[in-house]
Amino acid sequence: MLDRHARGVTTRLFTPVARTLLRAGVSPDTVTVVGTLGVSLGALVLFPLGHLFWGTLFITAFVFSDLVDGIMAREAGSTGRWGAFLDSTLDRVQDAAVFLGLCLWGFGVGAAPAVGALSAACLALGMLVSYVRAKAEALGWSAHVGIAERAERLVAALVVAGLTGLGLPPVVLAVTLGLLAAASLVTVGQRMAAVRHQARDDA
């Protein structure tokens, strides 16, 4: 995820936006849902049509809702388990939309089957990364380790996708997705090893 310094900067940047939305009567949950709809629209409509650059810009505008809703909840004193659950669930929807959109582009107008296949791999492995952590925490263990956190995977995929829309060879996108898939696989292994270590300590 974003490091502490980056989070501090973005929090200061988006706090005025969050306060304005709260004064207008907008709830954090509404921002979460609208952000997810925006990301999904950009990824599943613009990407398959071949608009990688404009799709990336459109998605980026809505991705920041993931920061704003959290700030709004803290400002309103309404943080709780439901908000955390909704935010985490819809994060998975956003991730799936981005990689599925790239997959459709690769197998469609992009004529880059390697991008399509590797996007599908990123989609599956990204979900597995999240599942391993969620299951571990549900059983009372911690799995907050790994080299491929959600933010880094999403930023890398979007940046290179946008540049591909500006003329970067698709092979660069394929290589990036391949590295992300490999990093996700390593992260799954790291989290499983961490949980196994904790399980042995509990035995």
N, C-alpha and C. Protein backbone atom coordinates (compact mmCIF):
# COMPACT_ATOMS: atom_id res chain seq x y z
N MET A 1 0.84 -1.19 0.00
CA MET A 1 0.00 0.00 0.00
C MET A 1 0.88 1.25 0.00
N LEU A 2 0.22 2.42 -0.05
CA LEU A 2 0.97 3.64 -0.02
C LEU A 2 1.71 3.77 1.30
N ASP A 3 2.96 4.27 1.28
CA ASP A 3 3.69 4.40 2.52
C ASP A 3 3.11 5.55 3.35
N ARG A 4 3.60 5.65 4.60
CA ARG A 4 3.01 6.61 5.54
C ARG A 4 3.12 8.05 5.05
N HIS A 5 4.27 8.40 4.46
CA HIS A 5 4.46 9.78 3.98
C HIS A 5 3.48 10.08 2.85
N ALA A 6 3.37 9.15 1.89
CA ALA A 6 2.46 9.36 0.76
C ALA A 6 1.02 9.48 1.24
N ARG A 7 0.65 8.65 2.23
CA ARG A 7 -0.70 8.72 2.76
C ARG A 7 -0.97 10.05 3.43
N GLY A 8 0.06 10.57 4.12
CA GLY A 8 -0.11 11.87 4.77
C GLY A 8 -0.35 12.97 3.76
N VAL A 9 0.39 12.94 2.65
CA VAL A 9 0.24 13.95 1.60
C VAL A 9 -1.15 13.87 0.97
N THR A 10 -1.56 12.65 0.61
CA THR A 10 -2.87 12.51 -0.04
C THR A 10 -4.01 12.85 0.91
N THR A 11 -3.84 12.56 2.19
CA THR A 11 -4.89 12.90 3.16
C THR A 11 -5.05 14.41 3.24
N ARG A 12 -3.94 15.12 3.31
CA ARG A 12 -4.03 16.60 3.35
C ARG A 12 -4.63 17.15 2.06
N LEU A 13 -4.32 16.51 0.95
CA LEU A 13 -4.80 16.99 -0.35
C LEU A 13 -6.31 16.80 -0.49
N PHE A 14 -6.83 15.66 -0.03
CA PHE A 14 -8.23 15.33 -0.27
C PHE A 14 -9.16 15.63 0.90
N THR A 15 -8.61 16.07 2.03
CA THR A 15 -9.49 16.40 3.17
C THR A 15 -10.49 17.51 2.84
N PRO A 16 -10.09 18.58 2.15
CA PRO A 16 -11.09 19.61 1.79
C PRO A 16 -12.21 19.05 0.92
N VAL A 17 -11.87 18.14 0.00
CA VAL A 17 -12.89 17.51 -0.85
C VAL A 17 -13.85 16.69 0.00
N ALA A 18 -13.28 15.93 0.93
CA ALA A 18 -14.10 15.09 1.80
C ALA A 18 -15.06 15.94 2.63
N ARG A 19 -14.57 17.03 3.18
CA ARG A 19 -15.40 17.90 4.01
C ARG A 19 -16.51 18.55 3.19
N THR A 20 -16.19 18.93 1.96
CA THR A 20 -17.19 19.54 1.09
C THR A 20 -18.31 18.55 0.79
N LEU A 21 -17.95 17.31 0.51
CA LEU A 21 -18.96 16.29 0.22
C LEU A 21 -19.83 16.02 1.45
N LEU A 22 -19.21 15.99 2.62
CA LEU A 22 -19.98 15.76 3.85
C LEU A 22 -20.97 16.90 4.08
N ARG A 23 -20.53 18.13 3.84
CA ARG A 23 -21.43 19.28 4.02
C ARG A 23 -22.59 19.21 3.03
N ALA A 24 -22.35 18.61 1.87
CA ALA A 24 -23.40 18.49 0.86
C ALA A 24 -24.33 17.31 1.14
N GLY A 25 -24.06 16.58 2.21
CA GLY A 25 -24.93 15.47 2.58
C GLY A 25 -24.59 14.15 1.92
N VAL A 26 -23.42 14.07 1.29
CA VAL A 26 -22.99 12.83 0.63
C VAL A 26 -22.36 11.91 1.67
N SER A 27 -22.71 10.64 1.65
CA SER A 27 -22.18 9.69 2.63
C SER A 27 -20.92 9.02 2.09
N PRO A 28 -20.04 8.54 2.97
CA PRO A 28 -18.85 7.81 2.51
C PRO A 28 -19.20 6.59 1.67
N ASP A 29 -20.28 5.88 2.04
CA ASP A 29 -20.68 4.70 1.28
C ASP A 29 -21.06 5.07 -0.16
N THR A 30 -21.69 6.23 -0.33
CA THR A 30 -22.06 6.67 -1.68
C THR A 30 -20.82 6.91 -2.53
N VAL A 31 -19.81 7.54 -1.93
CA VAL A 31 -18.56 7.79 -2.64
C VAL A 31 -17.90 6.46 -3.03
N THR A 32 -17.92 5.50 -2.13
CA THR A 32 -17.33 4.19 -2.41
C THR A 32 -18.01 3.53 -3.61
N VAL A 33 -19.34 3.55 -3.61
CA VAL A 33 -20.09 2.90 -4.70
C VAL A 33 -19.90 3.64 -6.02
N VAL A 34 -19.98 4.97 -5.99
CA VAL A 34 -19.81 5.75 -7.22
C VAL A 34 -18.40 5.56 -7.79
N GLY A 35 -17.41 5.53 -6.91
CA GLY A 35 -16.04 5.31 -7.37
C GLY A 35 -15.88 3.97 -8.06
N THR A 36 -16.50 2.95 -7.49
CA THR A 36 -16.42 1.62 -8.10
C THR A 36 -17.12 1.58 -9.45
N LEU A 37 -18.27 2.22 -9.54
CA LEU A 37 -18.99 2.27 -10.81
C LEU A 37 -18.16 3.01 -11.87
N GLY A 38 -17.50 4.09 -11.48
CA GLY A 38 -16.68 4.84 -12.42
C GLY A 38 -15.49 4.04 -12.93
N VAL A 39 -14.78 3.39 -12.00
CA VAL A 39 -13.65 2.56 -12.39
C VAL A 39 -14.11 1.43 -13.31
N SER A 40 -15.20 0.78 -12.96
CA SER A 40 -15.71 -0.33 -13.76
C SER A 40 -16.13 0.13 -15.15
N LEU A 41 -16.76 1.28 -15.22
CA LEU A 41 -17.19 1.82 -16.52
C LEU A 41 -15.99 2.11 -17.41
N GLY A 42 -14.99 2.78 -16.85
CA GLY A 42 -13.80 3.09 -17.64
C GLY A 42 -13.07 1.86 -18.11
N ALA A 43 -12.95 0.86 -17.22
CA ALA A 43 -12.19 -0.34 -17.55
C ALA A 43 -12.93 -1.26 -18.51
N LEU A 44 -14.24 -1.42 -18.30
CA LEU A 44 -14.98 -2.41 -19.07
C LEU A 44 -15.62 -1.86 -20.34
N VAL A 45 -15.61 -0.54 -20.49
CA VAL A 45 -16.14 0.07 -21.71
C VAL A 45 -15.02 0.69 -22.55
N LEU A 46 -14.24 1.56 -21.95
CA LEU A 46 -13.21 2.27 -22.71
C LEU A 46 -12.03 1.36 -23.10
N PHE A 47 -11.57 0.53 -22.18
CA PHE A 47 -10.44 -0.36 -22.52
C PHE A 47 -10.78 -1.30 -23.69
N PRO A 48 -11.88 -2.04 -23.63
CA PRO A 48 -12.18 -2.96 -24.74
C PRO A 48 -12.37 -2.26 -26.07
N LEU A 49 -12.77 -0.97 -26.04
CA LEU A 49 -12.94 -0.22 -27.28
C LEU A 49 -11.62 0.31 -27.82
N GLY A 50 -10.54 0.10 -27.07
CA GLY A 50 -9.23 0.52 -27.53
C GLY A 50 -8.74 1.84 -26.98
N HIS A 51 -9.50 2.46 -26.08
CA HIS A 51 -9.13 3.77 -25.53
C HIS A 51 -8.36 3.59 -24.23
N LEU A 52 -7.14 3.05 -24.32
CA LEU A 52 -6.37 2.78 -23.11
C LEU A 52 -5.98 4.06 -22.38
N PHE A 53 -5.57 5.08 -23.11
CA PHE A 53 -5.13 6.32 -22.46
C PHE A 53 -6.30 7.01 -21.78
N TRP A 54 -7.38 7.25 -22.53
CA TRP A 54 -8.52 7.95 -21.96
C TRP A 54 -9.20 7.10 -20.89
N GLY A 55 -9.18 5.80 -21.08
CA GLY A 55 -9.73 4.92 -20.05
C GLY A 55 -8.95 5.03 -18.76
N THR A 56 -7.63 5.11 -18.87
CA THR A 56 -6.79 5.23 -17.68
C THR A 56 -7.06 6.55 -16.96
N LEU A 57 -7.19 7.65 -17.71
CA LEU A 57 -7.50 8.93 -17.09
C LEU A 57 -8.85 8.89 -16.38
N PHE A 58 -9.82 8.29 -17.05
CA PHE A 58 -11.16 8.19 -16.48
C PHE A 58 -11.13 7.36 -15.19
N ILE A 59 -10.44 6.23 -15.23
CA ILE A 59 -10.33 5.36 -14.06
C ILE A 59 -9.62 6.08 -12.92
N THR A 60 -8.53 6.77 -13.24
CA THR A 60 -7.75 7.45 -12.22
C THR A 60 -8.59 8.47 -11.46
N ALA A 61 -9.47 9.16 -12.17
CA ALA A 61 -10.32 10.15 -11.52
C ALA A 61 -11.20 9.51 -10.45
N PHE A 62 -11.61 8.28 -10.67
CA PHE A 62 -12.49 7.60 -9.72
C PHE A 62 -11.73 6.77 -8.69
N VAL A 63 -10.50 6.38 -9.01
CA VAL A 63 -9.71 5.59 -8.06
C VAL A 63 -9.50 6.36 -6.76
N PHE A 64 -9.40 7.69 -6.86
CA PHE A 64 -9.16 8.49 -5.67
C PHE A 64 -10.32 8.46 -4.68
N SER A 65 -11.46 7.95 -5.13
CA SER A 65 -12.59 7.81 -4.20
C SER A 65 -12.23 6.87 -3.05
N ASP A 66 -11.28 5.97 -3.31
CA ASP A 66 -10.85 5.02 -2.29
C ASP A 66 -10.15 5.73 -1.14
N LEU A 67 -9.60 6.90 -1.41
CA LEU A 67 -9.00 7.72 -0.37
C LEU A 67 -10.03 8.63 0.28
N VAL A 68 -10.88 9.21 -0.57
CA VAL A 68 -11.84 10.20 -0.09
C VAL A 68 -12.86 9.58 0.87
N ASP A 69 -13.35 8.38 0.55
CA ASP A 69 -14.38 7.80 1.42
C ASP A 69 -13.85 7.52 2.83
N GLY A 70 -12.59 7.09 2.90
CA GLY A 70 -11.99 6.85 4.22
C GLY A 70 -11.83 8.13 5.02
N ILE A 71 -11.40 9.20 4.34
CA ILE A 71 -11.25 10.49 5.01
C ILE A 71 -12.61 10.99 5.49
N MET A 72 -13.63 10.81 4.65
CA MET A 72 -14.98 11.24 5.01
C MET A 72 -15.47 10.50 6.26
N ALA A 73 -15.23 9.19 6.29
CA ALA A 73 -15.68 8.39 7.43
C ALA A 73 -15.00 8.85 8.72
N ARG A 74 -13.71 9.15 8.64
CA ARG A 74 -12.99 9.62 9.84
C ARG A 74 -13.46 11.00 10.26
N GLU A 75 -13.68 11.87 9.28
CA GLU A 75 -14.14 13.23 9.60
C GLU A 75 -15.53 13.20 10.24
N ALA A 76 -16.38 12.28 9.76
CA ALA A 76 -17.75 12.20 10.28
C ALA A 76 -17.85 11.33 11.52
N GLY A 77 -16.75 10.67 11.89
CA GLY A 77 -16.77 9.78 13.04
C GLY A 77 -17.63 8.56 12.81
N SER A 78 -17.71 8.13 11.56
CA SER A 78 -18.59 7.00 11.22
C SER A 78 -17.82 5.78 10.74
N THR A 79 -16.55 5.68 11.12
CA THR A 79 -15.79 4.49 10.75
C THR A 79 -16.35 3.28 11.47
N GLY A 80 -16.38 2.17 10.80
CA GLY A 80 -16.92 0.97 11.42
C GLY A 80 -16.70 -0.23 10.55
N ARG A 81 -17.17 -1.38 11.02
CA ARG A 81 -16.92 -2.62 10.30
C ARG A 81 -17.65 -2.67 8.96
N TRP A 82 -18.87 -2.08 8.89
CA TRP A 82 -19.58 -2.13 7.62
C TRP A 82 -18.83 -1.35 6.53
N GLY A 83 -18.37 -0.15 6.89
CA GLY A 83 -17.64 0.65 5.91
C GLY A 83 -16.38 -0.06 5.44
N ALA A 84 -15.67 -0.68 6.38
CA ALA A 84 -14.45 -1.40 6.02
C ALA A 84 -14.77 -2.60 5.11
N PHE A 85 -15.86 -3.29 5.42
CA PHE A 85 -16.27 -4.43 4.62
C PHE A 85 -16.65 -4.00 3.20
N LEU A 86 -17.47 -2.95 3.10
CA LEU A 86 -17.90 -2.46 1.79
C LEU A 86 -16.70 -2.00 0.97
N ASP A 87 -15.81 -1.24 1.60
CA ASP A 87 -14.65 -0.71 0.90
C ASP A 87 -13.76 -1.83 0.38
N SER A 88 -13.50 -2.82 1.23
CA SER A 88 -12.65 -3.93 0.83
C SER A 88 -13.28 -4.75 -0.29
N THR A 89 -14.58 -4.98 -0.19
CA THR A 89 -15.28 -5.77 -1.21
C THR A 89 -15.26 -5.07 -2.56
N LEU A 90 -15.56 -3.77 -2.55
CA LEU A 90 -15.61 -3.04 -3.82
C LEU A 90 -14.21 -2.78 -4.39
N ASP A 91 -13.19 -2.79 -3.53
CA ASP A 91 -11.81 -2.74 -4.04
C ASP A 91 -11.54 -3.92 -4.96
N ARG A 92 -12.05 -5.10 -4.55
CA ARG A 92 -11.86 -6.29 -5.37
C ARG A 92 -12.60 -6.16 -6.70
N VAL A 93 -13.78 -5.52 -6.67
CA VAL A 93 -14.54 -5.29 -7.90
C VAL A 93 -13.75 -4.38 -8.84
N GLN A 94 -13.16 -3.33 -8.30
CA GLN A 94 -12.37 -2.41 -9.12
C GLN A 94 -11.18 -3.12 -9.74
N ASP A 95 -10.45 -3.89 -8.94
CA ASP A 95 -9.30 -4.61 -9.46
C ASP A 95 -9.70 -5.55 -10.59
N ALA A 96 -10.79 -6.28 -10.35
CA ALA A 96 -11.26 -7.23 -11.36
C ALA A 96 -11.63 -6.50 -12.65
N ALA A 97 -12.28 -5.36 -12.53
CA ALA A 97 -12.70 -4.61 -13.72
C ALA A 97 -11.49 -4.15 -14.53
N VAL A 98 -10.46 -3.65 -13.86
CA VAL A 98 -9.27 -3.16 -14.57
C VAL A 98 -8.59 -4.29 -15.34
N PHE A 99 -8.34 -5.40 -14.68
CA PHE A 99 -7.62 -6.49 -15.36
C PHE A 99 -8.50 -7.20 -16.38
N LEU A 100 -9.80 -7.27 -16.12
CA LEU A 100 -10.69 -7.85 -17.12
C LEU A 100 -10.77 -6.95 -18.35
N GLY A 101 -10.79 -5.63 -18.13
CA GLY A 101 -10.80 -4.70 -19.26
C GLY A 101 -9.56 -4.85 -20.12
N LEU A 102 -8.38 -4.99 -19.47
CA LEU A 102 -7.14 -5.20 -20.22
C LEU A 102 -7.15 -6.54 -20.94
N CYS A 103 -7.75 -7.53 -20.29
CA CYS A 103 -7.86 -8.85 -20.91
C CYS A 103 -8.70 -8.77 -22.19
N LEU A 104 -9.83 -8.08 -22.12
CA LEU A 104 -10.70 -7.93 -23.29
C LEU A 104 -10.00 -7.14 -24.39
N TRP A 105 -9.22 -6.13 -24.00
CA TRP A 105 -8.46 -5.36 -24.99
C TRP A 105 -7.43 -6.25 -25.68
N GLY A 106 -6.71 -7.04 -24.88
CA GLY A 106 -5.65 -7.88 -25.45
C GLY A 106 -6.18 -8.90 -26.43
N PHE A 107 -7.31 -9.52 -26.09
CA PHE A 107 -7.88 -10.53 -26.97
C PHE A 107 -8.77 -9.93 -28.06
N GLY A 108 -9.00 -8.61 -27.96
CA GLY A 108 -9.87 -7.94 -28.92
C GLY A 108 -9.12 -6.98 -29.81
N VAL A 109 -9.48 -5.69 -29.72
CA VAL A 109 -8.91 -4.70 -30.63
C VAL A 109 -7.41 -4.51 -30.46
N GLY A 110 -6.88 -4.86 -29.29
CA GLY A 110 -5.45 -4.70 -29.08
C GLY A 110 -4.61 -5.71 -29.82
N ALA A 111 -5.24 -6.83 -30.20
CA ALA A 111 -4.53 -7.91 -30.92
C ALA A 111 -3.23 -8.26 -30.21
N ALA A 112 -3.31 -8.37 -28.88
CA ALA A 112 -2.13 -8.70 -28.07
C ALA A 112 -2.52 -9.82 -27.11
N PRO A 113 -2.59 -11.06 -27.62
CA PRO A 113 -3.05 -12.16 -26.77
C PRO A 113 -2.22 -12.37 -25.51
N ALA A 114 -0.93 -12.02 -25.56
CA ALA A 114 -0.10 -12.16 -24.36
C ALA A 114 -0.62 -11.23 -23.26
N VAL A 115 -1.02 -10.02 -23.65
CA VAL A 115 -1.59 -9.09 -22.68
C VAL A 115 -2.89 -9.66 -22.11
N GLY A 116 -3.71 -10.24 -22.99
CA GLY A 116 -4.96 -10.83 -22.53
C GLY A 116 -4.74 -11.95 -21.53
N ALA A 117 -3.82 -12.85 -21.86
CA ALA A 117 -3.56 -14.00 -20.98
C ALA A 117 -2.96 -13.57 -19.66
N LEU A 118 -2.01 -12.64 -19.70
CA LEU A 118 -1.35 -12.20 -18.47
C LEU A 118 -2.27 -11.34 -17.62
N SER A 119 -3.18 -10.62 -18.24
CA SER A 119 -4.18 -9.86 -17.48
C SER A 119 -5.08 -10.82 -16.71
N ALA A 120 -5.46 -11.91 -17.36
CA ALA A 120 -6.28 -12.92 -16.69
C ALA A 120 -5.52 -13.53 -15.52
N ALA A 121 -4.21 -13.75 -15.70
CA ALA A 121 -3.40 -14.29 -14.61
C ALA A 121 -3.32 -13.30 -13.45
N CYS A 122 -3.16 -12.02 -13.76
CA CYS A 122 -3.11 -11.00 -12.72
C CYS A 122 -4.43 -10.93 -11.97
N LEU A 123 -5.53 -11.08 -12.71
CA LEU A 123 -6.85 -11.05 -12.10
C LEU A 123 -7.00 -12.20 -11.10
N ALA A 124 -6.66 -13.41 -11.52
CA ALA A 124 -6.81 -14.57 -10.66
C ALA A 124 -5.87 -14.51 -9.46
N LEU A 125 -4.62 -14.19 -9.70
CA LEU A 125 -3.64 -14.17 -8.61
C LEU A 125 -3.89 -13.01 -7.65
N GLY A 126 -4.36 -11.88 -8.19
CA GLY A 126 -4.68 -10.75 -7.32
C GLY A 126 -5.79 -11.10 -6.35
N MET A 127 -6.81 -11.81 -6.83
CA MET A 127 -7.89 -12.24 -5.95
C MET A 127 -7.37 -13.22 -4.90
N LEU A 128 -6.43 -14.09 -5.31
CA LEU A 128 -5.87 -15.06 -4.38
C LEU A 128 -5.05 -14.36 -3.29
N VAL A 129 -4.31 -13.34 -3.67
CA VAL A 129 -3.55 -12.56 -2.68
C VAL A 129 -4.48 -12.01 -1.60
N SER A 130 -5.59 -11.44 -2.03
CA SER A 130 -6.54 -10.86 -1.09
C SER A 130 -7.21 -11.95 -0.25
N TYR A 131 -7.55 -13.07 -0.89
CA TYR A 131 -8.24 -14.14 -0.17
C TYR A 131 -7.37 -14.73 0.93
N VAL A 132 -6.10 -14.98 0.64
CA VAL A 132 -5.20 -15.57 1.63
C VAL A 132 -5.14 -14.70 2.88
N ARG A 133 -5.02 -13.39 2.69
CA ARG A 133 -4.96 -12.49 3.84
C ARG A 133 -6.28 -12.50 4.60
N ALA A 134 -7.40 -12.41 3.87
CA ALA A 134 -8.71 -12.36 4.52
C ALA A 134 -8.98 -13.65 5.31
N LYS A 135 -8.65 -14.79 4.72
CA LYS A 135 -8.88 -16.07 5.40
C LYS A 135 -8.00 -16.20 6.62
N ALA A 136 -6.74 -15.78 6.50
CA ALA A 136 -5.83 -15.84 7.64
C ALA A 136 -6.36 -15.00 8.80
N GLU A 137 -6.80 -13.78 8.48
CA GLU A 137 -7.29 -12.91 9.53
C GLU A 137 -8.58 -13.44 10.15
N ALA A 138 -9.41 -14.09 9.34
CA ALA A 138 -10.65 -14.69 9.86
C ALA A 138 -10.34 -15.80 10.85
N LEU A 139 -9.18 -16.47 10.70
CA LEU A 139 -8.79 -17.55 11.59
C LEU A 139 -7.90 -17.06 12.74
N GLY A 140 -7.72 -15.74 12.81
CA GLY A 140 -6.96 -15.18 13.93
C GLY A 140 -5.48 -15.02 13.69
N TRP A 141 -5.03 -15.17 12.45
CA TRP A 141 -3.62 -14.98 12.13
C TRP A 141 -3.43 -13.69 11.32
N SER A 142 -2.19 -13.34 11.10
CA SER A 142 -1.85 -12.15 10.31
C SER A 142 -1.12 -12.56 9.04
N ALA A 143 -1.50 -11.93 7.93
CA ALA A 143 -0.82 -12.22 6.65
C ALA A 143 -0.56 -10.92 5.91
N HIS A 144 -0.19 -9.90 6.66
CA HIS A 144 0.06 -8.59 6.06
C HIS A 144 1.51 -8.49 5.62
N VAL A 145 1.89 -9.38 4.70
CA VAL A 145 3.25 -9.39 4.17
C VAL A 145 3.16 -9.56 2.66
N GLY A 146 4.29 -9.38 2.00
CA GLY A 146 4.31 -9.63 0.55
C GLY A 146 4.83 -8.46 -0.24
N ILE A 147 5.33 -8.76 -1.44
CA ILE A 147 5.95 -7.75 -2.29
C ILE A 147 4.97 -7.10 -3.25
N ALA A 148 3.74 -7.63 -3.34
CA ALA A 148 2.78 -7.12 -4.34
C ALA A 148 1.48 -6.71 -3.67
N GLU A 149 1.48 -5.53 -3.05
CA GLU A 149 0.27 -5.01 -2.45
C GLU A 149 -0.65 -4.46 -3.54
N ARG A 150 -1.91 -4.24 -3.20
CA ARG A 150 -2.91 -3.83 -4.18
C ARG A 150 -2.54 -2.53 -4.88
N ALA A 151 -2.15 -1.52 -4.12
CA ALA A 151 -1.90 -0.20 -4.70
C ALA A 151 -0.80 -0.26 -5.76
N GLU A 152 0.28 -0.97 -5.44
CA GLU A 152 1.39 -1.05 -6.39
C GLU A 152 0.98 -1.78 -7.66
N ARG A 153 0.20 -2.86 -7.51
CA ARG A 153 -0.24 -3.60 -8.70
C ARG A 153 -1.12 -2.74 -9.58
N LEU A 154 -2.05 -2.02 -8.97
CA LEU A 154 -2.99 -1.22 -9.73
C LEU A 154 -2.29 -0.04 -10.41
N VAL A 155 -1.42 0.64 -9.69
CA VAL A 155 -0.71 1.79 -10.25
C VAL A 155 0.15 1.36 -11.44
N ALA A 156 0.91 0.28 -11.27
CA ALA A 156 1.78 -0.19 -12.35
C ALA A 156 0.97 -0.55 -13.59
N ALA A 157 -0.12 -1.28 -13.40
CA ALA A 157 -0.94 -1.68 -14.54
C ALA A 157 -1.54 -0.49 -15.26
N LEU A 158 -2.05 0.48 -14.51
CA LEU A 158 -2.70 1.64 -15.12
C LEU A 158 -1.71 2.56 -15.82
N VAL A 159 -0.56 2.78 -15.19
CA VAL A 159 0.44 3.67 -15.80
C VAL A 159 0.91 3.11 -17.14
N VAL A 160 1.25 1.83 -17.17
CA VAL A 160 1.76 1.25 -18.42
C VAL A 160 0.63 1.11 -19.45
N ALA A 161 -0.60 0.84 -18.99
CA ALA A 161 -1.73 0.77 -19.92
C ALA A 161 -1.95 2.13 -20.57
N GLY A 162 -1.89 3.18 -19.77
CA GLY A 162 -2.07 4.52 -20.31
C GLY A 162 -0.99 4.87 -21.33
N LEU A 163 0.26 4.52 -21.02
CA LEU A 163 1.36 4.78 -21.95
C LEU A 163 1.21 3.95 -23.22
N THR A 164 0.68 2.74 -23.08
CA THR A 164 0.43 1.91 -24.27
C THR A 164 -0.59 2.60 -25.17
N GLY A 165 -1.57 3.25 -24.55
CA GLY A 165 -2.55 4.00 -25.33
C GLY A 165 -1.94 5.17 -26.07
N LEU A 166 -0.77 5.63 -25.61
CA LEU A 166 -0.08 6.73 -26.27
C LEU A 166 0.98 6.25 -27.27
N GLY A 167 1.08 4.94 -27.44
CA GLY A 167 2.01 4.43 -28.45
C GLY A 167 3.10 3.51 -27.96
N LEU A 168 3.17 3.27 -26.64
CA LEU A 168 4.16 2.33 -26.12
C LEU A 168 3.84 0.93 -26.67
N PRO A 169 4.85 0.19 -27.12
CA PRO A 169 4.58 -1.15 -27.67
C PRO A 169 3.85 -2.04 -26.65
N PRO A 170 2.85 -2.78 -27.09
CA PRO A 170 2.10 -3.65 -26.18
C PRO A 170 2.96 -4.67 -25.44
N VAL A 171 4.13 -5.00 -26.01
CA VAL A 171 5.00 -5.97 -25.35
C VAL A 171 5.44 -5.45 -23.98
N VAL A 172 5.56 -4.14 -23.84
CA VAL A 172 5.95 -3.58 -22.54
C VAL A 172 4.84 -3.81 -21.52
N LEU A 173 3.61 -3.66 -21.96
CA LEU A 173 2.48 -3.93 -21.08
C LEU A 173 2.45 -5.41 -20.71
N ALA A 174 2.72 -6.27 -21.68
CA ALA A 174 2.73 -7.71 -21.41
C ALA A 174 3.81 -8.06 -20.39
N VAL A 175 4.99 -7.49 -20.54
CA VAL A 175 6.08 -7.75 -19.59
C VAL A 175 5.70 -7.25 -18.20
N THR A 176 5.10 -6.06 -18.13
CA THR A 176 4.68 -5.51 -16.84
C THR A 176 3.67 -6.41 -16.16
N LEU A 177 2.69 -6.86 -16.92
CA LEU A 177 1.67 -7.75 -16.36
C LEU A 177 2.28 -9.09 -15.93
N GLY A 178 3.25 -9.57 -16.70
CA GLY A 178 3.93 -10.80 -16.33
C GLY A 178 4.66 -10.65 -15.00
N LEU A 179 5.32 -9.51 -14.83
CA LEU A 179 6.02 -9.25 -13.56
C LEU A 179 5.04 -9.12 -12.40
N LEU A 180 3.90 -8.48 -12.66
CA LEU A 180 2.89 -8.35 -11.61
C LEU A 180 2.32 -9.70 -11.22
N ALA A 181 2.08 -10.54 -12.22
CA ALA A 181 1.58 -11.88 -11.93
C ALA A 181 2.58 -12.67 -11.10
N ALA A 182 3.86 -12.58 -11.49
CA ALA A 182 4.90 -13.28 -10.73
C ALA A 182 5.00 -12.75 -9.31
N ALA A 183 4.94 -11.43 -9.16
CA ALA A 183 5.01 -10.83 -7.82
C ALA A 183 3.81 -11.24 -6.97
N SER A 184 2.65 -11.35 -7.59
CA SER A 184 1.46 -11.80 -6.87
C SER A 184 1.62 -13.23 -6.39
N LEU A 185 2.18 -14.07 -7.26
CA LEU A 185 2.40 -15.47 -6.89
C LEU A 185 3.38 -15.57 -5.72
N VAL A 186 4.44 -14.77 -5.77
CA VAL A 186 5.40 -14.74 -4.66
C VAL A 186 4.72 -14.28 -3.38
N THR A 187 3.86 -13.28 -3.50
CA THR A 187 3.16 -12.76 -2.33
C THR A 187 2.26 -13.81 -1.70
N VAL A 188 1.58 -14.59 -2.54
CA VAL A 188 0.76 -15.69 -2.02
C VAL A 188 1.63 -16.65 -1.21
N GLY A 189 2.79 -17.00 -1.77
CA GLY A 189 3.71 -17.89 -1.07
C GLY A 189 4.19 -17.29 0.25
N GLN A 190 4.52 -15.99 0.24
CA GLN A 190 4.98 -15.33 1.45
C GLN A 190 3.90 -15.35 2.54
N ARG A 191 2.68 -15.10 2.13
CA ARG A 191 1.59 -15.05 3.11
C ARG A 191 1.28 -16.44 3.66
N MET A 192 1.32 -17.43 2.80
CA MET A 192 1.09 -18.79 3.27
C MET A 192 2.20 -19.23 4.23
N ALA A 193 3.44 -18.85 3.91
CA ALA A 193 4.56 -19.20 4.79
C ALA A 193 4.41 -18.51 6.15
N ALA A 194 3.98 -17.24 6.13
CA ALA A 194 3.80 -16.50 7.38
C ALA A 194 2.71 -17.15 8.24
N VAL A 195 1.63 -17.56 7.60
CA VAL A 195 0.54 -18.21 8.34
C VAL A 195 0.99 -19.57 8.86
N ARG A 196 1.73 -20.30 8.05
CA ARG A 196 2.23 -21.60 8.50
C ARG A 196 3.12 -21.45 9.72
N HIS A 197 3.95 -20.43 9.73
CA HIS A 197 4.82 -20.17 10.88
C HIS A 197 4.00 -19.88 12.14
N GLN A 198 2.96 -19.07 11.98
CA GLN A 198 2.10 -18.75 13.12
C GLN A 198 1.33 -19.98 13.60
N ALA A 199 0.92 -20.82 12.66
CA ALA A 199 0.19 -22.04 13.02
C ALA A 199 1.08 -22.98 13.83
N ARG A 200 2.34 -23.08 13.46
CA ARG A 200 3.27 -23.91 14.22
C ARG A 200 3.48 -23.37 15.62
N ASP A 201 3.54 -22.03 15.75
CA ASP A 201 3.71 -21.43 17.08
C ASP A 201 2.50 -21.68 17.96
N ASP A 202 1.32 -21.78 17.33
CA ASP A 202 0.09 -22.00 18.11
C ASP A 202 -0.10 -23.46 18.51
N ALA A 203 0.62 -24.34 17.80
CA ALA A 203 0.43 -25.78 18.05
C ALA A 203 0.98 -26.19 19.42
